[in-house]
Each structure stands twice: as structure tokens, then as C-alpha cells.
Protein backbone atom coordinates (compact mmCIF):
# COMPACT_ATOMS: atom_id res chain seq x y z
CA PRO A 1 -41.44 43.89 -86.10
CA PHE A 2 -39.70 47.11 -85.19
CA LEU A 3 -40.54 49.76 -82.65
CA ASN A 4 -39.37 53.21 -83.69
CA ALA A 5 -39.10 55.98 -81.14
CA ALA A 6 -37.42 59.34 -80.76
CA CYS A 7 -36.02 61.00 -77.68
CA PHE A 8 -34.45 64.30 -76.82
CA GLY A 9 -31.37 64.50 -74.65
CA VAL A 10 -28.83 66.93 -73.29
CA THR A 11 -25.15 66.03 -73.03
CA ARG A 12 -21.76 67.60 -72.66
CA LEU A 13 -20.25 64.84 -74.79
CA PRO A 14 -19.04 65.80 -78.24
CA PRO A 15 -20.83 63.90 -81.05
CA VAL A 16 -18.14 61.22 -81.57
CA SER A 17 -17.97 60.50 -77.82
CA LEU A 18 -21.76 60.27 -77.72
CA LEU A 19 -21.64 57.77 -80.58
CA ASN A 20 -19.11 55.69 -78.64
CA GLU A 21 -21.42 55.64 -75.61
CA ILE A 22 -24.36 54.65 -77.83
CA LYS A 23 -22.34 51.77 -79.26
CA LEU A 24 -21.64 50.56 -75.69
CA ILE A 25 -25.37 50.66 -74.88
CA GLU A 26 -26.20 48.75 -78.07
CA SER A 27 -23.54 46.15 -77.23
CA LYS A 28 -24.91 45.69 -73.70
CA MET A 29 -28.35 45.13 -75.25
CA GLY A 30 -27.05 42.33 -77.44
CA ARG A 31 -26.08 44.04 -80.66
CA GLU A 32 -23.15 42.41 -82.38
CA ILE A 33 -20.97 43.91 -85.09
CA SER A 34 -22.10 42.43 -88.38
CA PHE A 35 -22.81 43.45 -91.95
CA ARG A 36 -24.60 46.68 -92.89
CA ASN A 37 -28.36 46.58 -92.19
CA ALA A 38 -28.06 43.17 -90.53
CA PRO A 39 -30.87 42.13 -88.18
CA ARG A 40 -30.20 43.55 -84.71
CA PRO A 41 -31.98 43.82 -81.37
CA ILE A 42 -31.37 47.58 -81.06
CA ASP A 43 -30.34 50.41 -83.36
CA ILE A 44 -29.79 53.85 -81.90
CA ASP A 45 -29.07 56.74 -84.26
CA ILE A 46 -28.10 60.34 -83.63
CA LEU A 47 -30.47 62.25 -85.90
CA ILE A 48 -29.58 65.83 -85.04
CA TYR A 49 -27.07 67.26 -82.58
CA GLY A 50 -28.09 70.88 -82.09
CA GLN A 51 -27.09 72.79 -85.19
CA GLU A 52 -23.82 70.88 -85.59
CA ILE A 53 -22.87 69.28 -88.87
CA VAL A 54 -20.56 66.27 -88.64
CA ASP A 55 -19.24 64.32 -91.61
CA THR A 56 -16.69 61.63 -90.77
CA ASP A 57 -16.21 58.03 -91.87
CA ASN A 58 -18.05 56.80 -88.75
CA LEU A 59 -20.60 59.52 -88.11
CA VAL A 60 -22.76 61.82 -90.21
CA ILE A 61 -25.00 64.36 -88.49
CA PRO A 62 -27.69 65.20 -89.32
CA HIS A 63 -28.57 61.61 -90.15
CA PRO A 64 -28.31 61.42 -93.96
CA HIS A 65 -31.57 59.51 -94.49
CA MET A 66 -33.84 60.88 -91.77
CA CYS A 67 -35.80 63.09 -94.19
CA GLU A 68 -36.64 60.10 -96.41
CA ARG A 69 -38.06 57.90 -93.66
CA ALA A 70 -41.54 58.38 -92.30
CA PHE A 71 -40.75 55.90 -89.53
CA VAL A 72 -38.07 58.31 -88.32
CA LEU A 73 -40.04 61.54 -88.73
CA ALA A 74 -43.33 60.28 -87.25
CA PRO A 75 -42.05 59.92 -83.68
CA LEU A 76 -39.69 62.89 -84.05
CA VAL A 77 -42.48 65.26 -85.06
CA GLU A 78 -44.37 64.25 -81.90
CA ILE A 79 -41.62 65.48 -79.59
CA ALA A 80 -39.88 68.20 -81.61
CA PRO A 81 -41.99 69.58 -84.47
CA GLU A 82 -40.16 72.92 -84.46
CA LEU A 83 -36.66 71.41 -84.44
CA ILE A 84 -34.72 72.80 -87.39
CA HIS A 85 -32.68 70.54 -89.66
CA PRO A 86 -29.23 72.19 -89.62
CA VAL A 87 -28.51 71.62 -93.31
CA LEU A 88 -31.94 72.15 -94.86
CA GLY A 89 -33.07 74.93 -92.54
CA THR A 90 -36.47 73.23 -92.41
CA SER A 91 -38.46 72.21 -89.34
CA VAL A 92 -39.23 68.58 -88.59
CA GLN A 93 -42.90 69.44 -89.03
CA GLN A 94 -42.21 70.77 -92.54
CA LEU A 95 -40.19 67.65 -93.39
CA TRP A 96 -43.06 65.48 -92.16
CA GLY A 97 -45.43 67.51 -94.30
CA ARG A 98 -43.59 66.44 -97.46
CA PHE A 99 -44.83 62.86 -97.18
CA GLU A 100 -47.90 61.96 -99.19
CA ASP A 101 -51.11 61.83 -97.18
CA GLY A 102 -51.62 58.23 -98.28
CA GLY A 103 -48.20 57.17 -97.00
CA LEU A 104 -48.39 54.46 -94.39
CA VAL A 105 -46.47 54.30 -91.18
CA ARG A 106 -46.37 50.94 -89.41
CA TRP A 107 -46.80 51.40 -85.68
CA ASP A 108 -46.81 47.72 -84.73
CA SER A 109 -47.27 44.32 -86.32
CA ASN A 110 -51.05 44.45 -86.02
CA TRP A 111 -52.04 47.66 -87.76
CA MET A 112 -50.95 50.49 -89.96
CA VAL A 113 -52.02 54.09 -89.94
CA SER A 114 -52.02 56.70 -92.67
CA LYS A 115 -50.26 60.01 -92.33
CA SER A 116 -53.59 61.83 -92.33
CA ASP A 117 -54.76 59.64 -89.42
CA LEU A 118 -51.60 60.53 -87.52
CA ARG A 119 -52.22 64.21 -88.12
CA GLU A 120 -55.75 63.88 -86.80
CA THR A 121 -54.72 61.82 -83.79
CA TYR A 122 -51.80 64.03 -82.79
CA ALA A 123 -53.13 67.33 -84.18
CA ILE A 124 -50.10 67.58 -86.46
CA GLN A 125 -50.51 70.19 -89.13
CA ALA A 126 -48.14 70.19 -92.07
CA GLU A 127 -47.25 73.40 -93.84
CA GLY A 128 -49.95 74.26 -96.37
CA ASP A 129 -52.70 72.24 -94.63
């Protein structure tokens, strides 16, 4: 099972330096360099870095798949619903609103919750609701 979470931080580090620090944290927590999408004890991603757009071989910001993944947007909308995606110009809340109401988000290995249940629980209102 996976635990997905989102956090907000403030740093003076430029994005690539922040990524290097994240890699050190992951290494200290037992992550080893392996093949893409290999099982790992920790995976920390930079989703958005202010309004910066970064596109290098090692780092792409905003995260290229964050808008496709309910497991990324569900915790992010809890802490930053008004955060604007720097490429799409859309808020996290609006991105979350694009998922089907019947879409399921796994919160732990014992139960699943629908998007509409999450909205009710956390009073999340998608655009057009």
C-alpha cells in the first residue's frame, strides 16, 4: 500500500538544488537507484514550484502527470485548492473537479472513497457543482 500526501514549503533553493536535496532525503530513507517505477520506500516529487516552468532531462516542473492522477490531486486540493498550475492557468480545485464523481481514490489498504465522498467530507466544491 501507498500513502500519498502533499506539503507546502518555502525555500531559497533553485529547483534543481531542491531536487538534489530531495534525492538525498530519499536515499537516507532507503531508496536505491533502480529502474523507472521500481518499488521504493519513498518517492518525493516536486509538483509545482511557484509559477516557474522547468524542463530539463532530470526535472520537469510542473510535474507532467499531476493533472492525471487523483492520488496526487486529492491531498493537494486539501492544502492548496487555489494554487494555480503555471502552464494550464487552472487552479488545483478546478483540476480536481475534472475527475468523474465515481472515480475512486484509495486512502489506505482497507477502504476506498469516491470523489463525491471526499467533497462531502472536506467540503470541496468543484467548478460547476
